[in-house]
Amino acid sequence: MSSGGITWIADADISWLGYYIKLARGLTGEQLAARLAAPGGPVPVQATTGPQVEALIDGLDAERGDADSIAVRYGDHAGLGFAIAYGHWPSVLGPAYHDGTSRDGVHVFELYYEKQNPKVPPPAFAYFHDDQYVCGFDMYMYTWSQEITGPGADLVRAEIDAAGIPEERERDTAHRASLAVLERRFELALPRDLILDASLPTALVRGQQPR
């Protein structure tokens, strides 16, 4: 398993809720974070690790008496800007929302997995280009949708079928195999050690703002 691709994500605990990851070809990580922010723009805070940013969000929300803050840790790797969300991102960011991050000819790849959702939805992938949805699919198809949607579905259909993902009964195996297909097909990469262990630039993009 490559530590510099994206297949490792299937076996990692990026946040306790799961993961929301944007990868952009044509934007820096800082620019991507700005596009994910609510009106008023991102609010930079100190660089954080994953546990540190979750603690920061918990503290800000406790002080305010609300629970709506979202932060992103971001950076650049292998020609891609990336942003990883923490906090209360489910149902606010993604999946497959037209959020404007791919405008102006940018290619954006979205990885989304609400692993604490009681309905246990599958991890999902979506690809946008120039503010248009290109294609997407559930990264576990056996008991969920086996449809690859979007006008660009043929970009991944043959490789998804060849990998046996529609027939794969094990969720974790299908998840891993799907990420491997996306890693190869779109040349996607994230630096595993930096994401899991290092401090990265961080900004609040929704909810509570620091004083």
N, C-alpha and C. Protein backbone atom coordinates (compact mmCIF):
# COMPACT_ATOMS: atom_id res chain seq x y z
N MET A 1 0.84 -1.19 0.00
CA MET A 1 0.00 0.00 0.00
C MET A 1 0.88 1.24 0.00
N SER A 2 0.64 2.12 -0.91
CA SER A 2 1.45 3.33 -1.01
C SER A 2 1.11 4.30 0.12
N SER A 3 2.17 4.85 0.75
CA SER A 3 1.94 5.86 1.79
C SER A 3 1.75 7.24 1.18
N GLY A 4 2.00 7.37 -0.12
CA GLY A 4 1.89 8.67 -0.76
C GLY A 4 0.72 8.76 -1.71
N GLY A 5 0.00 7.66 -1.93
CA GLY A 5 -1.19 7.70 -2.76
C GLY A 5 -2.40 8.04 -1.89
N ILE A 6 -3.53 7.38 -2.13
CA ILE A 6 -4.69 7.60 -1.27
C ILE A 6 -5.27 6.29 -0.74
N THR A 7 -4.75 5.14 -1.16
CA THR A 7 -5.32 3.87 -0.73
C THR A 7 -5.25 3.70 0.78
N TRP A 8 -4.24 4.27 1.40
CA TRP A 8 -4.08 4.15 2.85
C TRP A 8 -5.24 4.74 3.64
N ILE A 9 -6.00 5.64 3.03
CA ILE A 9 -7.10 6.29 3.74
C ILE A 9 -8.11 5.28 4.26
N ALA A 10 -8.29 4.18 3.54
CA ALA A 10 -9.27 3.18 3.94
C ALA A 10 -8.96 2.56 5.29
N ASP A 11 -7.71 2.59 5.70
CA ASP A 11 -7.29 1.94 6.95
C ASP A 11 -6.86 2.94 8.01
N ALA A 12 -7.17 4.20 7.83
CA ALA A 12 -6.72 5.25 8.76
C ALA A 12 -7.90 5.87 9.49
N ASP A 13 -7.63 6.38 10.68
CA ASP A 13 -8.61 7.16 11.43
C ASP A 13 -8.24 8.63 11.30
N ILE A 14 -8.79 9.27 10.27
CA ILE A 14 -8.45 10.68 10.03
C ILE A 14 -9.18 11.58 11.02
N SER A 15 -10.46 11.33 11.24
CA SER A 15 -11.20 11.99 12.30
C SER A 15 -12.21 11.00 12.85
N TRP A 16 -12.74 11.28 14.02
CA TRP A 16 -13.64 10.30 14.64
C TRP A 16 -14.93 10.13 13.85
N LEU A 17 -15.31 11.15 13.08
CA LEU A 17 -16.53 11.06 12.27
C LEU A 17 -16.33 10.31 10.96
N GLY A 18 -15.10 10.16 10.54
CA GLY A 18 -14.80 9.60 9.22
C GLY A 18 -13.86 10.53 8.49
N TYR A 19 -14.20 10.88 7.26
CA TYR A 19 -13.34 11.85 6.56
C TYR A 19 -14.10 12.62 5.51
N TYR A 20 -13.68 13.86 5.34
CA TYR A 20 -14.10 14.70 4.22
C TYR A 20 -12.83 15.32 3.66
N ILE A 21 -12.46 14.93 2.45
CA ILE A 21 -11.20 15.33 1.85
C ILE A 21 -11.47 15.91 0.47
N LYS A 22 -10.89 17.06 0.19
CA LYS A 22 -10.90 17.64 -1.15
C LYS A 22 -9.47 17.67 -1.67
N LEU A 23 -9.30 17.24 -2.89
CA LEU A 23 -8.03 17.34 -3.60
C LEU A 23 -8.27 18.16 -4.85
N ALA A 24 -7.42 19.13 -5.12
CA ALA A 24 -7.64 20.04 -6.25
C ALA A 24 -6.40 20.12 -7.13
N ARG A 25 -6.61 19.95 -8.40
CA ARG A 25 -5.54 20.19 -9.38
C ARG A 25 -5.85 21.53 -10.04
N GLY A 26 -5.03 22.54 -9.70
CA GLY A 26 -5.27 23.89 -10.20
C GLY A 26 -5.46 24.89 -9.09
N LEU A 27 -5.41 24.44 -7.83
CA LEU A 27 -5.47 25.33 -6.66
C LEU A 27 -4.43 24.89 -5.65
N THR A 28 -3.93 25.82 -4.88
CA THR A 28 -3.14 25.46 -3.72
C THR A 28 -4.08 25.04 -2.59
N GLY A 29 -3.52 24.43 -1.57
CA GLY A 29 -4.34 24.08 -0.42
C GLY A 29 -4.95 25.30 0.23
N GLU A 30 -4.20 26.38 0.32
CA GLU A 30 -4.72 27.61 0.90
C GLU A 30 -5.88 28.17 0.09
N GLN A 31 -5.76 28.14 -1.23
CA GLN A 31 -6.86 28.61 -2.08
C GLN A 31 -8.08 27.71 -1.96
N LEU A 32 -7.85 26.41 -1.84
CA LEU A 32 -8.97 25.48 -1.68
C LEU A 32 -9.69 25.73 -0.36
N ALA A 33 -8.95 25.94 0.71
CA ALA A 33 -9.56 26.25 2.00
C ALA A 33 -10.41 27.51 1.91
N ALA A 34 -9.92 28.51 1.19
CA ALA A 34 -10.68 29.75 1.03
C ALA A 34 -11.98 29.51 0.30
N ARG A 35 -11.97 28.63 -0.69
CA ARG A 35 -13.19 28.35 -1.44
C ARG A 35 -14.19 27.54 -0.62
N LEU A 36 -13.72 26.80 0.36
CA LEU A 36 -14.61 26.03 1.22
C LEU A 36 -15.23 26.88 2.32
N ALA A 37 -14.70 28.06 2.54
CA ALA A 37 -15.14 28.89 3.67
C ALA A 37 -16.48 29.55 3.40
N ALA A 38 -17.18 29.83 4.49
CA ALA A 38 -18.41 30.61 4.41
C ALA A 38 -18.09 32.04 4.02
N PRO A 39 -19.11 32.84 3.63
CA PRO A 39 -18.87 34.25 3.34
C PRO A 39 -18.13 34.91 4.50
N GLY A 40 -17.15 35.71 4.16
CA GLY A 40 -16.28 36.29 5.18
C GLY A 40 -14.91 35.67 5.18
N GLY A 41 -14.81 34.47 4.54
CA GLY A 41 -13.51 33.85 4.34
C GLY A 41 -13.06 33.00 5.51
N PRO A 42 -11.98 32.26 5.32
CA PRO A 42 -11.45 31.42 6.38
C PRO A 42 -10.79 32.26 7.47
N VAL A 43 -10.73 31.70 8.66
CA VAL A 43 -10.06 32.35 9.79
C VAL A 43 -8.86 31.48 10.17
N PRO A 44 -7.66 31.90 9.81
CA PRO A 44 -6.49 31.08 10.14
C PRO A 44 -6.29 30.97 11.64
N VAL A 45 -5.89 29.79 12.08
CA VAL A 45 -5.50 29.56 13.47
C VAL A 45 -4.11 28.94 13.45
N GLN A 46 -3.62 28.53 14.60
CA GLN A 46 -2.29 27.92 14.62
C GLN A 46 -2.30 26.60 13.86
N ALA A 47 -1.14 26.20 13.37
CA ALA A 47 -1.02 24.90 12.73
C ALA A 47 -1.37 23.82 13.74
N THR A 48 -2.03 22.76 13.27
CA THR A 48 -2.51 21.71 14.18
C THR A 48 -2.29 20.33 13.59
N THR A 49 -2.28 19.35 14.50
CA THR A 49 -2.47 17.95 14.13
C THR A 49 -3.97 17.68 14.12
N GLY A 50 -4.37 16.48 13.70
CA GLY A 50 -5.78 16.13 13.72
C GLY A 50 -6.39 16.22 15.12
N PRO A 51 -5.80 15.57 16.13
CA PRO A 51 -6.36 15.67 17.48
C PRO A 51 -6.39 17.10 18.00
N GLN A 52 -5.39 17.90 17.67
CA GLN A 52 -5.36 19.28 18.15
C GLN A 52 -6.49 20.11 17.55
N VAL A 53 -6.78 19.94 16.26
CA VAL A 53 -7.84 20.74 15.67
C VAL A 53 -9.20 20.30 16.20
N GLU A 54 -9.38 19.02 16.48
CA GLU A 54 -10.66 18.58 17.06
C GLU A 54 -10.84 19.14 18.46
N ALA A 55 -9.75 19.20 19.24
CA ALA A 55 -9.83 19.81 20.58
C ALA A 55 -10.12 21.31 20.48
N LEU A 56 -9.52 21.98 19.51
CA LEU A 56 -9.78 23.40 19.30
C LEU A 56 -11.25 23.64 18.99
N ILE A 57 -11.81 22.85 18.11
CA ILE A 57 -13.23 23.00 17.75
C ILE A 57 -14.12 22.74 18.95
N ASP A 58 -13.82 21.70 19.72
CA ASP A 58 -14.62 21.40 20.90
C ASP A 58 -14.60 22.57 21.88
N GLY A 59 -13.43 23.18 22.06
CA GLY A 59 -13.33 24.31 22.97
C GLY A 59 -14.10 25.52 22.49
N LEU A 60 -14.00 25.84 21.22
CA LEU A 60 -14.71 26.99 20.67
C LEU A 60 -16.22 26.79 20.76
N ASP A 61 -16.68 25.58 20.45
CA ASP A 61 -18.12 25.33 20.48
C ASP A 61 -18.66 25.32 21.92
N ALA A 62 -17.87 24.80 22.86
CA ALA A 62 -18.30 24.81 24.25
C ALA A 62 -18.42 26.24 24.77
N GLU A 63 -17.49 27.09 24.37
CA GLU A 63 -17.52 28.50 24.79
C GLU A 63 -18.74 29.20 24.25
N ARG A 64 -19.12 28.85 23.04
CA ARG A 64 -20.26 29.51 22.40
C ARG A 64 -21.59 28.87 22.76
N GLY A 65 -21.57 27.61 23.18
CA GLY A 65 -22.80 26.90 23.46
C GLY A 65 -23.49 26.44 22.19
N ASP A 66 -22.70 26.18 21.15
CA ASP A 66 -23.25 25.72 19.87
C ASP A 66 -22.35 24.60 19.37
N ALA A 67 -22.73 23.99 18.27
CA ALA A 67 -21.93 22.89 17.74
C ALA A 67 -21.99 22.92 16.22
N ASP A 68 -21.34 23.93 15.64
CA ASP A 68 -21.41 24.05 14.19
C ASP A 68 -20.07 24.41 13.55
N SER A 69 -19.00 24.36 14.31
CA SER A 69 -17.72 24.79 13.76
C SER A 69 -17.10 23.72 12.87
N ILE A 70 -16.49 24.17 11.80
CA ILE A 70 -15.75 23.31 10.88
C ILE A 70 -14.40 23.97 10.61
N ALA A 71 -13.36 23.18 10.68
CA ALA A 71 -12.03 23.65 10.33
C ALA A 71 -11.45 22.74 9.26
N VAL A 72 -10.49 23.25 8.53
CA VAL A 72 -9.74 22.41 7.60
C VAL A 72 -8.25 22.53 7.87
N ARG A 73 -7.57 21.41 7.79
CA ARG A 73 -6.13 21.38 7.70
C ARG A 73 -5.80 21.24 6.22
N TYR A 74 -4.80 21.95 5.77
CA TYR A 74 -4.59 21.99 4.33
C TYR A 74 -3.11 22.04 3.98
N GLY A 75 -2.83 21.82 2.69
CA GLY A 75 -1.46 21.86 2.22
C GLY A 75 -1.38 21.50 0.76
N ASP A 76 -0.18 21.18 0.31
CA ASP A 76 0.07 20.88 -1.09
C ASP A 76 0.97 19.64 -1.17
N HIS A 77 0.66 18.77 -2.14
CA HIS A 77 1.43 17.54 -2.28
C HIS A 77 1.23 16.99 -3.68
N ALA A 78 2.32 16.63 -4.34
CA ALA A 78 2.28 15.96 -5.64
C ALA A 78 1.44 16.71 -6.67
N GLY A 79 1.55 18.02 -6.70
CA GLY A 79 0.83 18.82 -7.67
C GLY A 79 -0.64 19.04 -7.35
N LEU A 80 -1.05 18.70 -6.13
CA LEU A 80 -2.44 18.85 -5.71
C LEU A 80 -2.51 19.70 -4.45
N GLY A 81 -3.50 20.61 -4.40
CA GLY A 81 -3.86 21.21 -3.13
C GLY A 81 -4.83 20.29 -2.42
N PHE A 82 -4.73 20.23 -1.10
CA PHE A 82 -5.66 19.38 -0.36
C PHE A 82 -6.21 20.11 0.85
N ALA A 83 -7.42 19.73 1.26
CA ALA A 83 -8.05 20.25 2.47
C ALA A 83 -8.83 19.11 3.11
N ILE A 84 -8.66 18.97 4.42
CA ILE A 84 -9.30 17.90 5.18
C ILE A 84 -10.13 18.54 6.28
N ALA A 85 -11.40 18.21 6.34
CA ALA A 85 -12.32 18.86 7.26
C ALA A 85 -12.38 18.15 8.61
N TYR A 86 -12.60 18.95 9.65
CA TYR A 86 -12.77 18.46 11.01
C TYR A 86 -13.92 19.23 11.65
N GLY A 87 -14.57 18.61 12.62
CA GLY A 87 -15.69 19.26 13.26
C GLY A 87 -17.00 18.77 12.69
N HIS A 88 -17.93 19.70 12.49
CA HIS A 88 -19.31 19.33 12.17
C HIS A 88 -19.60 19.43 10.67
N TRP A 89 -18.77 18.71 9.90
CA TRP A 89 -18.90 18.78 8.45
C TRP A 89 -20.01 17.92 7.85
N PRO A 90 -20.45 16.81 8.47
CA PRO A 90 -21.50 16.01 7.82
C PRO A 90 -22.76 16.83 7.57
N SER A 91 -23.29 16.66 6.38
CA SER A 91 -24.50 17.34 5.88
C SER A 91 -24.29 18.82 5.60
N VAL A 92 -23.09 19.34 5.88
CA VAL A 92 -22.78 20.73 5.56
C VAL A 92 -21.85 20.79 4.35
N LEU A 93 -20.78 20.03 4.38
CA LEU A 93 -19.86 19.90 3.25
C LEU A 93 -20.09 18.53 2.61
N GLY A 94 -20.28 18.51 1.27
CA GLY A 94 -20.44 17.25 0.57
C GLY A 94 -21.65 16.49 1.06
N PRO A 95 -21.88 15.26 0.49
CA PRO A 95 -21.12 14.73 -0.65
C PRO A 95 -21.68 15.23 -1.97
N ALA A 96 -20.80 15.46 -2.90
CA ALA A 96 -21.16 15.83 -4.27
C ALA A 96 -21.97 17.13 -4.35
N TYR A 97 -21.72 18.05 -3.42
CA TYR A 97 -22.39 19.34 -3.49
C TYR A 97 -21.67 20.23 -4.50
N HIS A 98 -22.43 21.02 -5.23
CA HIS A 98 -21.84 22.02 -6.12
C HIS A 98 -21.47 23.23 -5.26
N ASP A 99 -20.26 23.23 -4.75
CA ASP A 99 -19.87 24.26 -3.79
C ASP A 99 -18.97 25.32 -4.41
N GLY A 100 -18.74 25.26 -5.72
CA GLY A 100 -17.94 26.28 -6.38
C GLY A 100 -16.44 26.08 -6.29
N THR A 101 -15.99 25.03 -5.62
CA THR A 101 -14.54 24.87 -5.47
C THR A 101 -13.85 24.55 -6.79
N SER A 102 -14.59 24.02 -7.77
CA SER A 102 -13.95 23.65 -9.04
C SER A 102 -14.13 24.70 -10.13
N ARG A 103 -14.61 25.88 -9.78
CA ARG A 103 -14.81 26.90 -10.81
C ARG A 103 -13.48 27.33 -11.43
N ASP A 104 -13.57 27.98 -12.57
CA ASP A 104 -12.39 28.52 -13.27
C ASP A 104 -11.46 27.42 -13.75
N GLY A 105 -12.04 26.31 -14.19
CA GLY A 105 -11.24 25.25 -14.81
C GLY A 105 -10.52 24.32 -13.88
N VAL A 106 -10.80 24.39 -12.59
CA VAL A 106 -10.11 23.55 -11.60
C VAL A 106 -10.72 22.14 -11.59
N HIS A 107 -9.88 21.15 -11.35
CA HIS A 107 -10.31 19.76 -11.16
C HIS A 107 -10.34 19.49 -9.66
N VAL A 108 -11.49 19.07 -9.13
CA VAL A 108 -11.63 18.80 -7.71
C VAL A 108 -12.13 17.37 -7.51
N PHE A 109 -11.48 16.66 -6.61
CA PHE A 109 -11.83 15.28 -6.29
C PHE A 109 -12.23 15.23 -4.82
N GLU A 110 -13.43 14.72 -4.57
CA GLU A 110 -14.00 14.73 -3.22
C GLU A 110 -14.12 13.30 -2.70
N LEU A 111 -13.61 13.07 -1.51
CA LEU A 111 -13.71 11.79 -0.81
C LEU A 111 -14.50 12.03 0.47
N TYR A 112 -15.52 11.22 0.70
CA TYR A 112 -16.48 11.52 1.78
C TYR A 112 -16.92 10.23 2.45
N TYR A 113 -16.80 10.18 3.79
CA TYR A 113 -17.21 8.97 4.50
C TYR A 113 -17.68 9.32 5.90
N GLU A 114 -18.99 9.21 6.13
CA GLU A 114 -19.59 9.42 7.45
C GLU A 114 -19.64 8.07 8.16
N LYS A 115 -18.56 7.66 8.77
CA LYS A 115 -18.55 6.31 9.35
C LYS A 115 -19.33 6.22 10.66
N GLN A 116 -19.68 7.37 11.28
CA GLN A 116 -20.48 7.34 12.50
C GLN A 116 -21.97 7.52 12.23
N ASN A 117 -22.36 7.69 10.98
CA ASN A 117 -23.77 7.81 10.64
C ASN A 117 -24.48 6.49 10.96
N PRO A 118 -25.57 6.50 11.75
CA PRO A 118 -26.24 5.24 12.11
C PRO A 118 -26.80 4.48 10.92
N LYS A 119 -27.00 5.15 9.80
CA LYS A 119 -27.45 4.46 8.59
C LYS A 119 -26.30 3.74 7.87
N VAL A 120 -25.09 3.98 8.32
CA VAL A 120 -23.88 3.36 7.78
C VAL A 120 -23.80 3.50 6.25
N PRO A 121 -23.84 4.73 5.75
CA PRO A 121 -23.70 4.90 4.30
C PRO A 121 -22.30 4.53 3.85
N PRO A 122 -22.14 4.19 2.57
CA PRO A 122 -20.81 3.85 2.09
C PRO A 122 -19.94 5.09 1.91
N PRO A 123 -18.62 4.91 1.89
CA PRO A 123 -17.77 6.02 1.45
C PRO A 123 -18.10 6.38 0.01
N ALA A 124 -17.93 7.64 -0.34
CA ALA A 124 -18.34 8.12 -1.66
C ALA A 124 -17.25 8.95 -2.31
N PHE A 125 -17.24 8.92 -3.63
CA PHE A 125 -16.30 9.71 -4.43
C PHE A 125 -17.09 10.59 -5.38
N ALA A 126 -16.60 11.82 -5.61
CA ALA A 126 -17.17 12.70 -6.64
C ALA A 126 -16.05 13.50 -7.28
N TYR A 127 -16.20 13.73 -8.57
CA TYR A 127 -15.22 14.50 -9.34
C TYR A 127 -15.93 15.65 -10.02
N PHE A 128 -15.38 16.86 -9.86
CA PHE A 128 -15.92 18.07 -10.47
C PHE A 128 -14.84 18.75 -11.30
N HIS A 129 -15.28 19.39 -12.37
CA HIS A 129 -14.35 20.19 -13.18
C HIS A 129 -15.09 21.41 -13.70
N ASP A 130 -14.49 22.56 -13.49
CA ASP A 130 -15.05 23.81 -13.99
C ASP A 130 -16.49 24.02 -13.51
N ASP A 131 -16.71 23.73 -12.22
CA ASP A 131 -18.01 23.89 -11.56
C ASP A 131 -19.09 22.97 -12.12
N GLN A 132 -18.69 21.87 -12.71
CA GLN A 132 -19.64 20.87 -13.22
C GLN A 132 -19.32 19.51 -12.60
N TYR A 133 -20.36 18.76 -12.27
CA TYR A 133 -20.19 17.40 -11.78
C TYR A 133 -19.81 16.50 -12.95
N VAL A 134 -18.73 15.76 -12.79
CA VAL A 134 -18.24 14.88 -13.86
C VAL A 134 -18.66 13.44 -13.61
N CYS A 135 -18.35 12.90 -12.44
CA CYS A 135 -18.74 11.53 -12.14
C CYS A 135 -18.59 11.26 -10.65
N GLY A 136 -19.20 10.17 -10.21
CA GLY A 136 -19.10 9.77 -8.82
C GLY A 136 -19.72 8.41 -8.61
N PHE A 137 -19.39 7.81 -7.46
CA PHE A 137 -19.94 6.49 -7.15
C PHE A 137 -19.73 6.18 -5.67
N ASP A 138 -20.52 5.22 -5.18
CA ASP A 138 -20.33 4.70 -3.83
C ASP A 138 -19.14 3.74 -3.85
N MET A 139 -18.26 3.89 -2.87
CA MET A 139 -17.07 3.04 -2.83
C MET A 139 -17.33 1.71 -2.11
N TYR A 140 -18.59 1.42 -1.87
CA TYR A 140 -19.06 0.09 -1.48
C TYR A 140 -20.41 -0.06 -2.15
N MET A 141 -20.50 -0.94 -3.14
CA MET A 141 -21.68 -1.01 -3.99
C MET A 141 -22.60 -2.20 -3.69
N TYR A 142 -22.12 -3.20 -2.99
CA TYR A 142 -22.82 -4.48 -2.95
C TYR A 142 -24.25 -4.36 -2.43
N THR A 143 -24.45 -3.64 -1.34
CA THR A 143 -25.81 -3.46 -0.81
C THR A 143 -26.29 -2.02 -0.97
N TRP A 144 -25.58 -1.23 -1.78
CA TRP A 144 -25.96 0.15 -2.05
C TRP A 144 -26.02 0.33 -3.57
N SER A 145 -26.00 1.56 -4.00
CA SER A 145 -26.12 1.81 -5.44
C SER A 145 -24.90 1.29 -6.20
N GLN A 146 -25.16 0.59 -7.29
CA GLN A 146 -24.09 0.16 -8.17
C GLN A 146 -23.95 1.09 -9.38
N GLU A 147 -24.66 2.21 -9.33
CA GLU A 147 -24.62 3.15 -10.45
C GLU A 147 -23.43 4.10 -10.31
N ILE A 148 -22.71 4.27 -11.39
CA ILE A 148 -21.69 5.33 -11.48
C ILE A 148 -22.37 6.48 -12.21
N THR A 149 -22.52 7.60 -11.55
CA THR A 149 -23.32 8.69 -12.08
C THR A 149 -22.45 9.74 -12.75
N GLY A 150 -23.12 10.62 -13.49
CA GLY A 150 -22.44 11.75 -14.11
C GLY A 150 -22.09 11.51 -15.56
N PRO A 151 -21.92 12.59 -16.33
CA PRO A 151 -21.60 12.46 -17.76
C PRO A 151 -20.25 11.82 -18.02
N GLY A 152 -19.38 11.83 -17.03
CA GLY A 152 -18.06 11.22 -17.20
C GLY A 152 -17.94 9.85 -16.56
N ALA A 153 -19.05 9.14 -16.38
CA ALA A 153 -19.01 7.84 -15.71
C ALA A 153 -18.04 6.87 -16.35
N ASP A 154 -17.88 6.96 -17.66
CA ASP A 154 -16.99 6.02 -18.35
C ASP A 154 -15.51 6.25 -18.03
N LEU A 155 -15.20 7.35 -17.37
CA LEU A 155 -13.82 7.58 -16.96
C LEU A 155 -13.34 6.51 -15.98
N VAL A 156 -14.27 5.97 -15.20
CA VAL A 156 -13.88 5.00 -14.17
C VAL A 156 -14.60 3.66 -14.28
N ARG A 157 -15.62 3.56 -15.12
CA ARG A 157 -16.48 2.37 -15.12
C ARG A 157 -15.69 1.09 -15.38
N ALA A 158 -14.86 1.08 -16.41
CA ALA A 158 -14.16 -0.16 -16.76
C ALA A 158 -13.24 -0.62 -15.64
N GLU A 159 -12.55 0.33 -15.00
CA GLU A 159 -11.63 -0.05 -13.93
C GLU A 159 -12.37 -0.49 -12.67
N ILE A 160 -13.50 0.13 -12.39
CA ILE A 160 -14.33 -0.30 -11.25
C ILE A 160 -14.82 -1.72 -11.47
N ASP A 161 -15.30 -2.00 -12.68
CA ASP A 161 -15.78 -3.35 -12.99
C ASP A 161 -14.63 -4.35 -12.96
N ALA A 162 -13.49 -3.98 -13.53
CA ALA A 162 -12.35 -4.90 -13.57
C ALA A 162 -11.84 -5.24 -12.17
N ALA A 163 -11.97 -4.30 -11.25
CA ALA A 163 -11.53 -4.54 -9.87
C ALA A 163 -12.54 -5.35 -9.07
N GLY A 164 -13.70 -5.66 -9.66
CA GLY A 164 -14.71 -6.46 -8.98
C GLY A 164 -15.44 -5.74 -7.87
N ILE A 165 -15.44 -4.41 -7.88
CA ILE A 165 -16.03 -3.64 -6.79
C ILE A 165 -17.55 -3.81 -6.70
N PRO A 166 -18.29 -3.86 -7.80
CA PRO A 166 -19.74 -4.04 -7.65
C PRO A 166 -20.14 -5.34 -6.96
N GLU A 167 -19.32 -6.39 -7.09
CA GLU A 167 -19.66 -7.69 -6.50
C GLU A 167 -19.00 -7.93 -5.15
N GLU A 168 -18.13 -7.01 -4.73
CA GLU A 168 -17.39 -7.23 -3.49
C GLU A 168 -18.29 -7.07 -2.27
N ARG A 169 -18.40 -8.12 -1.45
CA ARG A 169 -19.30 -8.10 -0.30
C ARG A 169 -18.70 -7.41 0.91
N GLU A 170 -17.39 -7.37 1.03
CA GLU A 170 -16.74 -6.78 2.18
C GLU A 170 -16.54 -5.28 1.97
N ARG A 171 -17.15 -4.50 2.86
CA ARG A 171 -17.09 -3.04 2.74
C ARG A 171 -15.65 -2.53 2.72
N ASP A 172 -14.82 -2.97 3.65
CA ASP A 172 -13.46 -2.46 3.74
C ASP A 172 -12.65 -2.81 2.49
N THR A 173 -12.87 -4.00 1.96
CA THR A 173 -12.15 -4.42 0.75
C THR A 173 -12.58 -3.57 -0.44
N ALA A 174 -13.89 -3.33 -0.58
CA ALA A 174 -14.39 -2.50 -1.68
C ALA A 174 -13.89 -1.07 -1.55
N HIS A 175 -13.87 -0.56 -0.33
CA HIS A 175 -13.39 0.80 -0.07
C HIS A 175 -11.93 0.93 -0.52
N ARG A 176 -11.12 -0.01 -0.08
CA ARG A 176 -9.70 0.02 -0.41
C ARG A 176 -9.48 -0.11 -1.91
N ALA A 177 -10.20 -1.03 -2.54
CA ALA A 177 -10.05 -1.23 -3.98
C ALA A 177 -10.50 -0.01 -4.77
N SER A 178 -11.55 0.65 -4.32
CA SER A 178 -12.03 1.86 -5.00
C SER A 178 -11.00 2.97 -4.92
N LEU A 179 -10.42 3.17 -3.75
CA LEU A 179 -9.39 4.19 -3.61
C LEU A 179 -8.17 3.88 -4.48
N ALA A 180 -7.84 2.60 -4.60
CA ALA A 180 -6.72 2.22 -5.46
C ALA A 180 -7.00 2.56 -6.92
N VAL A 181 -8.24 2.33 -7.37
CA VAL A 181 -8.61 2.69 -8.74
C VAL A 181 -8.49 4.20 -8.93
N LEU A 182 -9.00 4.98 -8.00
CA LEU A 182 -8.96 6.44 -8.11
C LEU A 182 -7.53 6.96 -8.07
N GLU A 183 -6.72 6.35 -7.22
CA GLU A 183 -5.31 6.73 -7.13
C GLU A 183 -4.62 6.59 -8.47
N ARG A 184 -4.86 5.45 -9.14
CA ARG A 184 -4.24 5.22 -10.46
C ARG A 184 -4.85 6.09 -11.54
N ARG A 185 -6.18 6.13 -11.56
CA ARG A 185 -6.87 6.78 -12.69
C ARG A 185 -6.64 8.28 -12.72
N PHE A 186 -6.63 8.92 -11.55
CA PHE A 186 -6.53 10.38 -11.50
C PHE A 186 -5.21 10.87 -10.90
N GLU A 187 -4.30 9.95 -10.63
CA GLU A 187 -2.98 10.29 -10.05
C GLU A 187 -3.16 11.11 -8.77
N LEU A 188 -3.95 10.56 -7.86
CA LEU A 188 -4.24 11.24 -6.60
C LEU A 188 -3.28 10.78 -5.51
N ALA A 189 -2.90 11.71 -4.66
CA ALA A 189 -1.95 11.39 -3.60
C ALA A 189 -2.15 12.32 -2.41
N LEU A 190 -1.93 11.76 -1.22
CA LEU A 190 -1.89 12.52 0.02
C LEU A 190 -0.72 12.01 0.85
N PRO A 191 -0.02 12.88 1.56
CA PRO A 191 1.11 12.45 2.36
C PRO A 191 0.65 11.85 3.70
N ARG A 192 0.64 10.54 3.80
CA ARG A 192 0.08 9.86 4.97
C ARG A 192 0.67 10.36 6.29
N ASP A 193 1.98 10.41 6.38
CA ASP A 193 2.61 10.78 7.65
C ASP A 193 2.27 12.21 8.05
N LEU A 194 2.20 13.11 7.09
CA LEU A 194 1.84 14.49 7.41
C LEU A 194 0.40 14.59 7.89
N ILE A 195 -0.50 13.89 7.20
CA ILE A 195 -1.92 13.96 7.56
C ILE A 195 -2.15 13.39 8.95
N LEU A 196 -1.54 12.26 9.26
CA LEU A 196 -1.83 11.58 10.52
C LEU A 196 -1.01 12.07 11.70
N ASP A 197 0.20 12.59 11.45
CA ASP A 197 1.11 12.84 12.57
C ASP A 197 1.63 14.27 12.69
N ALA A 198 1.63 15.03 11.63
CA ALA A 198 2.31 16.33 11.65
C ALA A 198 1.32 17.48 11.83
N SER A 199 1.85 18.65 12.16
CA SER A 199 1.06 19.87 12.18
C SER A 199 0.96 20.43 10.76
N LEU A 200 -0.24 20.87 10.41
CA LEU A 200 -0.48 21.46 9.09
C LEU A 200 -1.18 22.79 9.26
N PRO A 201 -1.05 23.69 8.28
CA PRO A 201 -1.82 24.94 8.33
C PRO A 201 -3.30 24.65 8.52
N THR A 202 -3.95 25.47 9.31
CA THR A 202 -5.34 25.20 9.72
C THR A 202 -6.14 26.49 9.69
N ALA A 203 -7.40 26.37 9.30
CA ALA A 203 -8.29 27.53 9.29
C ALA A 203 -9.71 27.09 9.61
N LEU A 204 -10.41 27.92 10.35
CA LEU A 204 -11.86 27.74 10.54
C LEU A 204 -12.56 28.20 9.27
N VAL A 205 -13.52 27.39 8.81
CA VAL A 205 -14.24 27.76 7.59
C VAL A 205 -15.74 27.93 7.81
N ARG A 206 -16.27 27.40 8.91
CA ARG A 206 -17.68 27.58 9.23
C ARG A 206 -17.83 27.67 10.75
N GLY A 207 -18.90 28.32 11.20
CA GLY A 207 -19.24 28.31 12.61
C GLY A 207 -18.42 29.27 13.44
N GLN A 208 -18.12 28.85 14.65
CA GLN A 208 -17.48 29.70 15.66
C GLN A 208 -16.17 30.29 15.16
N GLN A 209 -16.00 31.56 15.37
CA GLN A 209 -14.78 32.26 15.04
C GLN A 209 -14.02 32.55 16.34
N PRO A 210 -12.70 32.42 16.33
CA PRO A 210 -11.94 32.69 17.56
C PRO A 210 -11.94 34.17 17.89
N ARG A 211 -11.81 34.48 19.18
CA ARG A 211 -11.77 35.89 19.61
C ARG A 211 -10.36 36.45 19.44
